[in-house]
Protein backbone atom coordinates (compact mmCIF):
# COMPACT_ATOMS: atom_id res chain seq x y z
CA UNK A 1 -84.85 -170.58 75.80
CA UNK A 2 -87.67 -171.64 73.14
CA UNK A 3 -87.54 -175.31 72.67
CA UNK A 4 -88.28 -177.58 69.73
CA UNK A 5 -88.77 -181.15 70.29
CA UNK A 6 -87.09 -182.00 66.75
CA UNK A 7 -84.32 -179.95 67.71
CA UNK A 8 -83.80 -181.62 70.93
CA UNK A 9 -83.91 -184.96 69.22
CA UNK A 10 -81.78 -184.25 66.86
CA UNK A 11 -79.29 -183.20 69.66
CA UNK A 12 -79.96 -185.77 72.18
CA UNK A 13 -79.10 -188.30 69.13
CA UNK A 14 -75.96 -186.75 68.25
CA UNK A 15 -74.80 -187.02 71.78
CA UNK A 16 -76.21 -190.50 73.35
CA UNK A 17 -73.92 -193.56 72.74
CA UNK A 18 -75.57 -195.18 69.63
CA UNK A 19 -75.95 -198.75 70.92
CA UNK A 20 -77.97 -197.80 74.04
CA UNK A 21 -81.66 -198.80 73.99
CA UNK A 22 -84.08 -196.00 73.03
CA UNK A 23 -87.31 -198.07 73.20
CA UNK A 24 -87.79 -201.77 74.59
CA UNK A 25 -90.91 -203.51 74.63
CA UNK A 26 -90.42 -207.44 75.26
CA UNK A 27 -87.92 -208.83 73.07
CA UNK A 28 -88.06 -205.90 70.86
CA UNK A 29 -84.87 -203.31 71.24
CA UNK A 30 -84.62 -200.55 69.06
CA UNK A 31 -81.16 -198.61 69.67
CA UNK A 32 -80.72 -195.21 69.80
CA UNK A 33 -78.79 -195.00 66.42
CA UNK A 34 -81.91 -197.19 65.23
CA UNK A 35 -84.46 -194.68 66.81
CA UNK A 36 -82.70 -191.85 65.08
CA UNK A 37 -82.51 -193.27 61.96
CA UNK A 38 -86.13 -194.67 61.56
CA UNK A 39 -87.74 -191.32 62.74
CA UNK A 40 -85.71 -189.24 60.47
CA UNK A 41 -86.69 -191.79 57.53
CA UNK A 42 -90.28 -191.70 58.39
CA UNK A 43 -90.07 -187.81 58.73
CA UNK A 44 -88.99 -187.67 54.91
CA UNK A 45 -91.56 -190.07 54.07
CA UNK A 46 -94.20 -187.84 55.20
CA UNK A 47 -92.87 -184.30 53.81
CA UNK A 48 -92.20 -186.38 49.99
CA UNK A 49 -95.78 -187.58 50.52
CA UNK A 50 -96.96 -183.98 50.22
CA UNK A 51 -97.74 -183.16 53.84
CA UNK A 52 -96.90 -179.43 55.05
CA UNK A 53 -95.36 -177.64 57.84
CA UNK A 54 -97.98 -178.06 60.58
CA UNK A 55 -100.28 -180.53 58.69
CA UNK A 56 -102.07 -182.95 61.27
CA UNK A 57 -101.11 -186.67 61.43
CA UNK A 58 -103.13 -188.51 63.74
CA UNK A 59 -101.91 -192.06 65.60
CA UNK A 60 -104.41 -194.64 66.50
CA UNK A 61 -102.14 -197.09 67.99
CA UNK A 62 -101.62 -198.81 71.36
CA UNK A 63 -98.81 -198.84 73.23
CA UNK A 64 -96.21 -199.84 70.68
CA UNK A 65 -92.78 -198.16 69.67
CA UNK A 66 -94.07 -197.20 66.30
CA UNK A 67 -96.37 -194.83 68.40
CA UNK A 68 -93.37 -193.08 69.94
CA UNK A 69 -91.62 -193.03 66.69
CA UNK A 70 -94.25 -191.39 64.79
CA UNK A 71 -94.62 -188.51 67.39
CA UNK A 72 -90.98 -188.21 66.87
CA UNK A 73 -90.80 -188.31 63.26
CA UNK A 74 -93.60 -185.63 63.53
CA UNK A 75 -91.92 -183.13 65.35
CA UNK A 76 -88.49 -183.91 63.46
CA UNK A 77 -90.46 -182.71 60.06
CA UNK A 78 -92.75 -179.65 61.45
CA UNK A 79 -95.88 -181.76 61.54
CA UNK A 80 -98.70 -181.71 64.22
CA UNK A 81 -99.45 -185.28 65.48
CA UNK A 82 -102.72 -185.87 67.03
CA UNK A 83 -103.84 -188.83 69.46
CA UNK A 84 -107.01 -190.94 68.62
CA UNK A 85 -108.24 -193.02 71.24
CA UNK A 86 -108.24 -196.52 69.75
CA UNK A 87 -111.67 -197.29 71.67
CA UNK A 88 -113.49 -195.07 69.37
CA UNK A 89 -116.10 -195.98 67.11
CA UNK A 90 -115.55 -194.91 63.26
CA UNK A 91 -118.16 -192.04 63.69
CA UNK A 92 -116.05 -190.60 66.81
CA UNK A 93 -112.66 -191.06 64.99
CA UNK A 94 -114.18 -189.39 61.94
CA UNK A 95 -115.18 -186.47 64.20
CA UNK A 96 -111.60 -185.98 65.45
CA UNK A 97 -110.05 -186.10 62.08
CA UNK A 98 -112.48 -183.86 60.43
CA UNK A 99 -112.15 -181.32 63.38
CA UNK A 100 -108.73 -181.00 63.17
CA UNK A 101 -108.45 -181.54 59.27
CA UNK A 102 -105.98 -184.29 59.95
CA UNK A 103 -104.08 -185.10 56.32
CA UNK A 104 -102.28 -188.19 57.65
CA UNK A 105 -103.36 -191.48 59.76
CA UNK A 106 -101.16 -194.30 61.33
CA UNK A 107 -103.08 -196.82 62.26
CA UNK A 108 -102.15 -200.61 64.01
CA UNK A 109 -103.44 -203.12 61.76
CA UNK A 110 -106.38 -204.48 64.23
CA UNK A 111 -108.04 -201.29 63.55
CA UNK A 112 -108.38 -201.54 59.81
CA UNK A 113 -111.46 -202.29 59.53
CA UNK A 114 -112.63 -199.57 61.74
CA UNK A 115 -110.85 -196.68 59.94
CA UNK A 116 -111.18 -198.07 56.27
CA UNK A 117 -113.79 -195.90 54.94
CA UNK A 118 -112.55 -192.76 56.49
CA UNK A 119 -110.07 -192.16 53.63
CA UNK A 120 -113.04 -192.08 51.05
CA UNK A 121 -115.23 -189.91 53.19
CA UNK A 122 -112.72 -187.09 54.78
CA UNK A 123 -111.59 -184.84 51.43
CA UNK A 124 -108.44 -184.16 53.76
CA UNK A 125 -107.15 -187.44 54.59
CA UNK A 126 -104.72 -187.95 51.94
CA UNK A 127 -102.13 -190.03 53.52
CA UNK A 128 -102.62 -193.67 55.45
CA UNK A 129 -100.08 -195.99 56.72
CA UNK A 130 -101.06 -199.33 58.45
CA UNK A 131 -98.64 -200.65 61.14
CA UNK A 132 -98.10 -204.28 61.36
CA UNK A 133 -100.06 -207.19 59.60
CA UNK A 134 -100.84 -208.02 56.00
CA UNK A 135 -99.38 -205.10 53.76
CA UNK A 136 -97.37 -203.39 56.53
CA UNK A 137 -96.85 -199.99 55.01
CA UNK A 138 -95.09 -198.53 58.28
CA UNK A 139 -92.27 -200.77 58.01
CA UNK A 140 -91.22 -199.72 54.57
CA UNK A 141 -91.32 -196.21 55.50
CA UNK A 142 -88.60 -196.40 57.78
CA UNK A 143 -86.41 -198.92 56.66
CA UNK A 144 -85.28 -197.07 53.74
CA UNK A 145 -84.13 -193.84 52.52
CA UNK A 146 -81.78 -191.15 53.89
CA UNK A 147 -81.62 -191.51 57.83
CA UNK A 148 -79.68 -188.51 58.33
CA UNK A 149 -80.88 -185.74 60.49
CA UNK A 150 -82.99 -183.49 58.16
CA UNK A 151 -81.42 -180.06 58.88
CA UNK A 152 -84.22 -178.06 58.63
CA UNK A 153 -85.11 -174.61 60.61
CA UNK A 154 -87.62 -175.29 63.14
CA UNK A 155 -89.84 -173.16 65.16
CA UNK A 156 -91.04 -173.46 68.95
CA UNK A 157 -94.25 -172.83 67.57
CA UNK A 158 -93.91 -176.41 66.21
CA UNK A 159 -96.10 -178.80 68.46
CA UNK A 160 -99.02 -181.11 69.15
CA UNK A 161 -102.64 -181.34 69.29
CA UNK A 162 -103.77 -183.24 72.31
CA UNK A 163 -107.47 -184.48 72.30
CA UNK A 164 -109.31 -184.82 75.49
CA UNK A 165 -112.83 -186.16 76.00
CA UNK A 166 -113.15 -184.67 79.13
CA UNK A 167 -116.62 -185.73 80.81
CA UNK A 168 -119.35 -184.39 78.65
CA UNK A 169 -119.51 -183.28 75.05
CA UNK A 170 -117.34 -184.16 71.85
CA UNK A 171 -113.48 -184.18 72.09
CA UNK A 172 -111.53 -180.93 71.99
CA UNK A 173 -108.09 -180.51 70.74
CA UNK A 174 -105.84 -178.82 72.80
CA UNK A 175 -102.92 -177.18 71.00
CA UNK A 176 -99.22 -177.32 72.68
CA UNK A 177 -96.25 -175.53 71.31
CA UNK A 178 -93.17 -177.34 71.74
CA UNK A 179 -91.62 -174.19 73.86
CA UNK A 180 -94.39 -174.37 76.17
CA UNK A 181 -94.60 -177.99 76.51
CA UNK A 182 -90.85 -178.39 77.18
CA UNK A 183 -90.87 -175.66 79.70
CA UNK A 184 -93.52 -177.35 81.97
CA UNK A 185 -91.62 -180.90 81.64
CA UNK A 186 -88.59 -178.93 83.17
CA UNK A 187 -91.00 -177.94 86.03
CA UNK A 188 -91.20 -181.07 87.41
CA UNK A 189 -89.70 -181.85 90.67
CA UNK A 190 -87.71 -184.61 89.76
CA UNK A 191 -85.51 -182.61 87.37
CA UNK A 192 -81.98 -181.56 88.85
CA UNK A 193 -80.47 -180.01 85.41
CA UNK A 194 -81.97 -177.42 83.00
CA UNK A 195 -80.01 -176.61 80.20
CA UNK A 196 -79.98 -172.95 78.90
CA UNK A 197 -79.65 -173.58 75.34
CA UNK A 198 -79.20 -176.81 72.76
CA UNK A 199 -75.03 -177.18 73.05
CA UNK A 200 -75.80 -177.20 76.81
CA UNK A 201 -78.59 -179.79 76.56
CA UNK A 202 -76.08 -181.78 74.36
CA UNK A 203 -73.37 -181.79 76.47
CA UNK A 204 -75.67 -182.88 79.69
CA UNK A 205 -76.68 -186.00 77.51
CA UNK A 206 -73.00 -187.00 76.78
CA UNK A 207 -72.02 -186.85 80.24
CA UNK A 208 -74.84 -188.60 81.63
CA UNK A 209 -73.52 -192.33 81.60
CA UNK A 210 -76.86 -193.25 83.66
CA UNK A 211 -80.22 -191.97 82.37
CA UNK A 212 -83.40 -192.81 82.98
CA UNK A 213 -85.47 -195.85 81.93
CA UNK A 214 -89.11 -195.00 82.20
CA UNK A 215 -92.11 -197.34 81.92
CA UNK A 216 -95.35 -195.77 81.06
CA UNK A 217 -97.77 -198.07 82.40
CA UNK A 218 -100.69 -195.87 81.00
CA UNK A 219 -101.83 -195.39 77.38
CA UNK A 220 -99.36 -193.66 75.19
CA UNK A 221 -102.68 -192.24 73.41
CA UNK A 222 -103.06 -190.02 76.52
CA UNK A 223 -100.94 -186.88 77.23
CA UNK A 224 -99.49 -188.24 80.50
CA UNK A 225 -97.84 -191.65 78.74
CA UNK A 226 -96.57 -190.13 75.75
CA UNK A 227 -95.15 -187.07 77.57
CA UNK A 228 -93.17 -189.13 80.20
CA UNK A 229 -91.75 -191.42 77.53
CA UNK A 230 -90.87 -188.33 75.48
CA UNK A 231 -89.13 -186.56 78.80
CA UNK A 232 -87.25 -189.93 79.27
CA UNK A 233 -86.02 -189.88 75.72
CA UNK A 234 -85.04 -186.10 75.44
CA UNK A 235 -82.46 -186.82 78.35
CA UNK A 236 -80.95 -189.57 76.25
CA UNK A 237 -82.82 -192.21 78.43
CA UNK A 238 -84.86 -195.32 77.51
CA UNK A 239 -88.74 -195.78 77.09
CA UNK A 240 -89.95 -199.24 78.16
CA UNK A 241 -93.60 -200.55 76.96
CA UNK A 242 -95.44 -203.45 78.51
CA UNK A 243 -95.52 -206.34 76.41
CA UNK A 244 -99.17 -207.05 76.69
CA UNK A 245 -102.23 -205.33 76.21
CA UNK A 246 -104.08 -205.31 79.07
CA UNK A 247 -102.38 -204.38 82.42
CA UNK A 248 -100.96 -206.88 84.20
CA UNK A 249 -99.35 -206.11 87.89
CA UNK A 250 -97.27 -208.88 87.73
CA UNK A 251 -95.72 -208.45 84.16
CA UNK A 252 -95.03 -204.97 85.37
CA UNK A 253 -93.08 -205.65 88.41
CA UNK A 254 -91.43 -208.52 85.81
CA UNK A 255 -90.61 -205.66 83.58
CA UNK A 256 -89.10 -203.21 86.06
CA UNK A 257 -86.97 -206.11 87.33
CA UNK A 258 -85.72 -207.43 83.90
CA UNK A 259 -85.24 -204.04 82.02
CA UNK A 260 -83.86 -202.18 85.60
CA UNK A 261 -86.44 -199.60 85.24
CA UNK A 262 -86.00 -196.35 87.30
CA UNK A 263 -89.12 -194.64 86.99
CA UNK A 264 -93.05 -195.83 86.57
CA UNK A 265 -96.08 -193.63 85.29
CA UNK A 266 -99.51 -194.89 86.47
CA UNK A 267 -102.83 -193.55 86.84
CA UNK A 268 -103.73 -193.58 90.57
CA UNK A 269 -105.32 -196.56 92.61
CA UNK A 270 -106.78 -198.29 89.41
CA UNK A 271 -103.01 -199.47 88.70
CA UNK A 272 -101.76 -198.84 91.95
CA UNK A 273 -103.97 -201.17 94.07
CA UNK A 274 -103.18 -204.45 91.88
CA UNK A 275 -99.61 -203.60 91.79
CA UNK A 276 -99.92 -203.43 95.74
CA UNK A 277 -101.59 -206.85 95.72
CA UNK A 278 -99.32 -208.46 93.61
CA UNK A 279 -96.01 -207.48 95.79
CA UNK A 280 -98.33 -208.76 98.77
CA UNK A 281 -99.02 -211.97 97.07
CA UNK A 282 -95.26 -212.79 95.53
CA UNK A 283 -93.62 -211.06 98.76
CA UNK A 284 -89.47 -211.48 97.76
CA UNK A 285 -90.24 -212.44 94.07
CA UNK A 286 -88.85 -209.44 92.51
CA UNK A 287 -85.81 -207.30 92.99
CA UNK A 288 -86.94 -203.93 92.28
CA UNK A 289 -83.88 -201.83 93.72
CA UNK A 290 -83.39 -200.11 90.31
CA UNK A 291 -86.80 -198.31 90.75
CA UNK A 292 -86.30 -194.28 92.08
CA UNK A 293 -89.52 -192.85 90.87
CA UNK A 294 -93.22 -193.31 90.76
CA UNK A 295 -95.46 -190.83 89.55
CA UNK A 296 -99.32 -190.55 89.00
CA UNK A 297 -101.39 -187.95 87.20
CA UNK A 298 -105.07 -188.18 86.42
CA UNK A 299 -106.90 -190.13 89.41
CA UNK A 300 -106.86 -190.29 92.90
CA UNK A 301 -103.98 -192.14 94.53
CA UNK A 302 -104.80 -192.96 98.14
CA UNK A 303 -102.48 -192.64 101.10
CA UNK A 304 -102.81 -196.45 102.35
CA UNK A 305 -101.69 -197.44 98.86
CA UNK A 306 -99.06 -195.22 98.68
CA UNK A 307 -97.88 -195.96 102.09
CA UNK A 308 -97.74 -200.30 100.94
CA UNK A 309 -95.81 -199.38 97.88
CA UNK A 310 -93.18 -197.10 99.89
CA UNK A 311 -92.93 -200.08 102.70
CA UNK A 312 -91.99 -202.45 99.90
CA UNK A 313 -89.72 -200.15 97.97
CA UNK A 314 -88.40 -197.62 100.90
CA UNK A 315 -85.89 -196.42 98.32
CA UNK A 316 -88.72 -195.08 95.99
CA UNK A 317 -90.12 -191.48 95.57
CA UNK A 318 -93.93 -191.36 94.59
CA UNK A 319 -95.22 -188.43 93.01
CA UNK A 320 -98.79 -187.20 92.44
CA UNK A 321 -99.30 -184.73 89.72
CA UNK A 322 -101.91 -182.30 89.56
CA UNK A 323 -102.71 -181.41 85.99
CA UNK A 324 -105.03 -181.39 83.10
CA UNK A 325 -104.81 -181.31 79.46
CA UNK A 326 -105.07 -177.61 79.16
CA UNK A 327 -102.11 -176.88 81.31
CA UNK A 328 -100.12 -179.12 83.73
CA UNK A 329 -97.79 -178.40 86.61
CA UNK A 330 -100.57 -177.26 89.27
CA UNK A 331 -99.13 -179.16 92.13
CA UNK A 332 -97.24 -181.86 93.45
CA UNK A 333 -97.77 -184.44 96.17
CA UNK A 334 -94.46 -186.27 97.01
CA UNK A 335 -94.36 -189.22 99.20
CA UNK A 336 -91.07 -191.01 100.47
CA UNK A 337 -90.27 -192.95 103.41
CA UNK A 338 -90.16 -190.36 105.98
CA UNK A 339 -92.65 -187.27 104.37
CA UNK A 340 -96.20 -187.73 103.22
CA UNK A 341 -98.92 -185.44 101.82
CA UNK A 342 -102.43 -186.19 102.62
CA UNK A 343 -104.73 -187.78 99.67
CA UNK A 344 -106.12 -185.09 97.56
CA UNK A 345 -103.71 -182.33 98.97
CA UNK A 346 -100.89 -180.55 96.67
CA UNK A 347 -97.58 -178.53 97.12
CA UNK A 348 -98.81 -176.08 94.56
CA UNK A 349 -96.61 -175.42 91.61
CA UNK A 350 -94.44 -172.14 91.40
CA UNK A 351 -97.07 -170.42 88.91
CA UNK A 352 -100.29 -171.94 90.37
CA UNK A 353 -102.72 -169.53 92.09
CA UNK A 354 -106.19 -169.67 93.10
CA UNK A 355 -109.08 -167.23 91.75
CA UNK A 356 -112.19 -166.29 93.43
CA UNK A 357 -114.85 -167.57 91.31
CA UNK A 358 -117.51 -164.45 92.20
CA UNK A 359 -114.78 -161.59 91.78
CA UNK A 360 -111.97 -163.17 89.63
CA UNK A 361 -109.59 -161.93 92.17
CA UNK A 362 -106.29 -163.70 92.13
CA UNK A 363 -105.71 -164.60 95.60
CA UNK A 364 -102.46 -163.59 97.48
CA UNK A 365 -99.98 -166.73 97.95
CA UNK A 366 -100.34 -167.18 101.33
CA UNK A 367 -104.11 -166.33 101.34
CA UNK A 368 -106.48 -169.30 103.00
CA UNK A 369 -109.46 -169.24 100.39
CA UNK A 370 -111.48 -171.37 97.84
CA UNK A 371 -111.42 -170.87 93.89
CA UNK A 372 -110.56 -171.86 90.30
CA UNK A 373 -107.42 -173.55 90.19
CA UNK A 374 -105.39 -171.48 87.84
CA UNK A 375 -101.54 -171.07 86.61
CA UNK A 376 -99.71 -168.65 84.75
CA UNK A 377 -98.05 -169.17 81.55
CA UNK A 378 -96.42 -171.59 80.25
CA UNK A 379 -99.52 -173.76 79.49
CA UNK A 380 -101.40 -174.95 75.79
CA UNK A 381 -102.23 -172.33 73.23
CA UNK A 382 -105.95 -173.09 72.99
CA UNK A 383 -108.45 -175.24 71.84
CA UNK A 384 -108.00 -175.94 68.13
CA UNK A 385 -110.82 -174.35 65.81
CA UNK A 386 -112.84 -173.33 68.96
CA UNK A 387 -111.83 -169.65 70.00
CA UNK A 388 -114.91 -169.39 72.36
CA UNK A 389 -113.86 -172.23 74.30
CA UNK A 390 -110.40 -170.98 74.64
CA UNK A 391 -111.40 -167.62 75.74
CA UNK A 392 -113.49 -169.17 78.61
CA UNK A 393 -110.50 -170.92 79.78
CA UNK A 394 -107.33 -169.25 79.08
CA UNK A 395 -108.20 -165.49 80.48
CA UNK A 396 -106.49 -162.33 81.22
CA UNK A 397 -106.95 -160.92 84.47
CA UNK A 398 -105.35 -157.68 85.44
CA UNK A 399 -103.01 -158.10 82.37
CA UNK A 400 -101.83 -161.42 83.20
CA UNK A 401 -102.59 -164.44 81.29
CA UNK A 402 -104.06 -167.76 83.38
CA UNK A 403 -105.28 -170.89 82.28
CA UNK A 404 -108.25 -171.91 84.32
CA UNK A 405 -109.63 -175.52 83.07
CA UNK A 406 -112.28 -175.85 85.43
CA UNK A 407 -111.15 -177.23 88.83
CA UNK A 408 -112.06 -176.03 92.30
CA UNK A 409 -109.06 -175.86 94.91
CA UNK A 410 -108.82 -174.80 98.14
CA UNK A 411 -105.69 -173.13 100.07
CA UNK A 412 -105.11 -174.19 103.80
CA UNK A 413 -103.25 -172.23 106.40
CA UNK A 414 -99.98 -174.68 105.56
CA UNK A 415 -100.08 -173.53 102.32
CA UNK A 416 -101.11 -176.52 100.64
CA UNK A 417 -103.72 -176.90 97.84
CA UNK A 418 -106.61 -179.27 98.31
CA UNK A 419 -108.44 -180.39 94.88
CA UNK A 420 -112.23 -179.80 95.34
CA UNK A 421 -113.30 -181.05 92.08
CA UNK A 422 -114.46 -180.23 88.61
CA UNK A 423 -117.48 -177.66 88.60
CA UNK A 424 -119.08 -179.40 85.80
CA UNK A 425 -118.72 -182.58 87.97
CA UNK A 426 -120.33 -180.91 90.84
CA UNK A 427 -123.63 -182.33 91.86
CA UNK A 428 -126.47 -179.79 93.16
CA UNK A 429 -128.56 -181.82 95.81
CA UNK A 430 -130.69 -180.00 98.09
CA UNK A 431 -129.09 -176.75 97.11
CA UNK A 432 -125.61 -177.90 98.17
CA UNK A 433 -122.58 -178.58 96.08
CA UNK A 434 -120.89 -182.01 96.31
CA UNK A 435 -117.76 -182.56 94.30
CA UNK A 436 -117.76 -186.12 93.18
CA UNK A 437 -113.78 -186.46 93.68
CA UNK A 438 -114.18 -185.67 97.36
CA UNK A 439 -116.75 -188.54 97.98
CA UNK A 440 -114.70 -191.12 95.73
CA UNK A 441 -111.70 -190.40 97.76
CA UNK A 442 -113.67 -191.45 101.13
CA UNK A 443 -115.06 -194.33 99.82
CA UNK A 444 -112.04 -195.61 98.63
CA UNK A 445 -110.47 -195.47 102.07
CA UNK A 446 -113.71 -197.32 103.54
CA UNK A 447 -112.93 -201.20 104.21
CA UNK A 448 -113.96 -203.20 101.63
CA UNK A 449 -114.12 -201.09 98.98
CA UNK A 450 -111.57 -201.65 95.88
CA UNK A 451 -112.39 -198.78 93.60
CA UNK A 452 -115.60 -196.00 93.41
CA UNK A 453 -117.14 -193.74 91.32
CA UNK A 454 -119.70 -190.89 91.94
CA UNK A 455 -122.39 -189.65 90.31
CA UNK A 456 -125.48 -187.36 90.67
CA UNK A 457 -128.87 -188.58 89.37
CA UNK A 458 -132.46 -186.74 89.08
CA UNK A 459 -134.04 -187.08 92.34
CA UNK A 460 -137.45 -185.48 92.99
CA UNK A 461 -136.96 -184.37 96.35
CA UNK A 462 -133.24 -183.29 96.22
CA UNK A 463 -133.07 -182.19 92.54
CA UNK A 464 -129.95 -184.66 92.40
CA UNK A 465 -128.92 -187.44 94.83
CA UNK A 466 -125.30 -188.59 95.08
CA UNK A 467 -124.84 -192.31 93.75
CA UNK A 468 -122.06 -194.31 94.38
CA UNK A 469 -120.79 -196.93 92.27
CA UNK A 470 -118.29 -199.63 93.86
CA UNK A 471 -115.79 -202.75 93.21
CA UNK A 472 -115.74 -204.51 96.63
CA UNK A 473 -114.23 -207.50 98.03
CA UNK A 474 -115.10 -209.59 101.02
CA UNK A 475 -114.63 -206.97 103.51
CA UNK A 476 -117.45 -204.84 102.25
CA UNK A 477 -120.24 -203.91 104.70
CA UNK A 478 -122.50 -201.34 103.75
CA UNK A 479 -123.16 -199.84 107.12
CA UNK A 480 -119.65 -200.12 108.08
CA UNK A 481 -118.67 -198.07 104.63
CA UNK A 482 -121.26 -195.35 106.05
CA UNK A 483 -119.85 -195.31 109.00
CA UNK A 484 -116.59 -194.29 107.79
CA UNK A 485 -117.41 -191.91 105.01
CA UNK A 486 -119.62 -189.97 107.68
CA UNK A 487 -116.54 -189.51 109.42
CA UNK A 488 -114.96 -187.69 106.59
CA UNK A 489 -118.06 -185.68 104.94
CA UNK A 490 -121.05 -183.94 105.80
CA UNK A 491 -124.80 -185.81 105.75
CA UNK A 492 -125.71 -184.22 102.52
CA UNK A 493 -122.47 -185.47 100.54
CA UNK A 494 -122.90 -189.39 101.75
CA UNK A 495 -124.26 -191.34 99.07
CA UNK A 496 -128.27 -192.11 99.02
CA UNK A 497 -127.46 -195.37 97.13
CA UNK A 498 -124.55 -197.63 96.62
CA UNK A 499 -124.41 -199.82 93.24
CA UNK A 500 -122.17 -202.84 93.49
CA UNK A 501 -120.64 -203.85 90.56
CA UNK A 502 -118.06 -206.36 89.13
CA UNK A 503 -115.92 -203.09 88.04
CA UNK A 504 -116.40 -199.60 87.65
CA UNK A 505 -116.56 -198.03 84.09
CA UNK A 506 -113.11 -196.66 83.02
CA UNK A 507 -111.34 -195.85 80.02
CA UNK A 508 -108.06 -197.13 79.22
CA UNK A 509 -106.12 -194.82 80.85
CA UNK A 510 -107.99 -195.20 84.12
CA UNK A 511 -109.97 -192.34 84.18
CA UNK A 512 -113.70 -192.63 84.78
CA UNK A 513 -116.19 -193.20 82.44
CA UNK A 514 -118.78 -190.71 83.99
CA UNK A 515 -121.30 -190.96 81.04
CA UNK A 516 -121.58 -194.49 81.31
CA UNK A 517 -121.33 -194.19 85.05
CA UNK A 518 -124.18 -192.17 85.13
CA UNK A 519 -126.44 -194.38 82.81
CA UNK A 520 -125.97 -197.26 85.22
CA UNK A 521 -126.89 -195.28 87.97
CA UNK A 522 -130.25 -194.33 86.62
CA UNK A 523 -130.95 -197.64 85.41
CA UNK A 524 -130.08 -198.87 88.68
């Protein structure tokens, strides 16, 4: 089935109880009937403003119901929504908008000063909508006009642009077709029912009296957050957004209990550690029996933290997702009360392969070895406006097309995949390769380490040396840490220096800001 998110949203809305909540944030509840009507009105307003099929519409907003509504309306109108990092400067936003020739920009009122000059500077940018504040134009668009389904012919090629900054260089827009994005969604191990056509999807939604309620705790502006919310909505469920701008573990647990959330999405230990601490500090405060699944993407999720969560909530299944902006579903690490996968290891997805670096040979499915982590289709269609970069990541080998984002991995004799790390994040020290993720994982398991990042800095003797930036607690002792890490790693991988910080530099998503980390390490 070649899915289209606009068609799926229409079919879901036609079969879900209209009074069921679609979006919740604090005291604000938008029912499915309201969500459908508002997004249909917004879709019509964008088309009436002259936006054409495929026109790029950027969203610069925090985790708000409007973010999800805009994305849904874009799908319905056959427009391409584009994520904007709300931490970007005016120049960085201008780069993304110019790079994709964006025609529209939705922005929260708090970012008005940052973007107001762009409408004069960028010739393609003709449609601007302010969300909230004085002269809120957004609410006008969703409150009036025809709220019925658009009844237009859509295509599986309709999709969205996911801009990813990576660790170096300017942001690149990854092009995702609806058809491919939906197929990857349906590969998730939690999916029990896969419809073969739209009508069957509608029947499933109508019969599903207890759909999921998902809290994406990470920013919607990153792919995993919005994808998780959209997946729940497509099943007729509810997306729940935390009320506060800054992440609070106590608030998250409050909202899980209050809204009876069934699933939470986080980004590794950066979120999970304070969540565990809150459970320890306030034992017995929350009834979390509704929660069934907690998933993480994009950052290490250590075994001891997983075990602490399972001890507090034995009914929960923890799923560590191995993916990238360019392709997802490379692997899953599942932890339950009676099953655990070691940190850094994953059960490979059904389309995952390893490709030898030197020969481009695809390793057999049961072959032990190292290579590029790759997967067969479905995956993203490439990088917007960058055929050279597209050709380097999406390659055909022996007539089969693969996505090869740049991670290295090893397959062990038990069939599990061990993530080694990004080749462009590899530190060459004394002629030896050190993958930063491997060192970070070991450091985070050491007593006294709350969080850690690892970078390479120039060194006269070694070419580059390994430096660790760490956040610590009262149990920290550098000698003990070095001894613990030396149990995991060869001597050449050990940090030559450890820099103590109040917090390591991370983006809003929880992913490391390695450019800033390297500057801090070099200055130190």
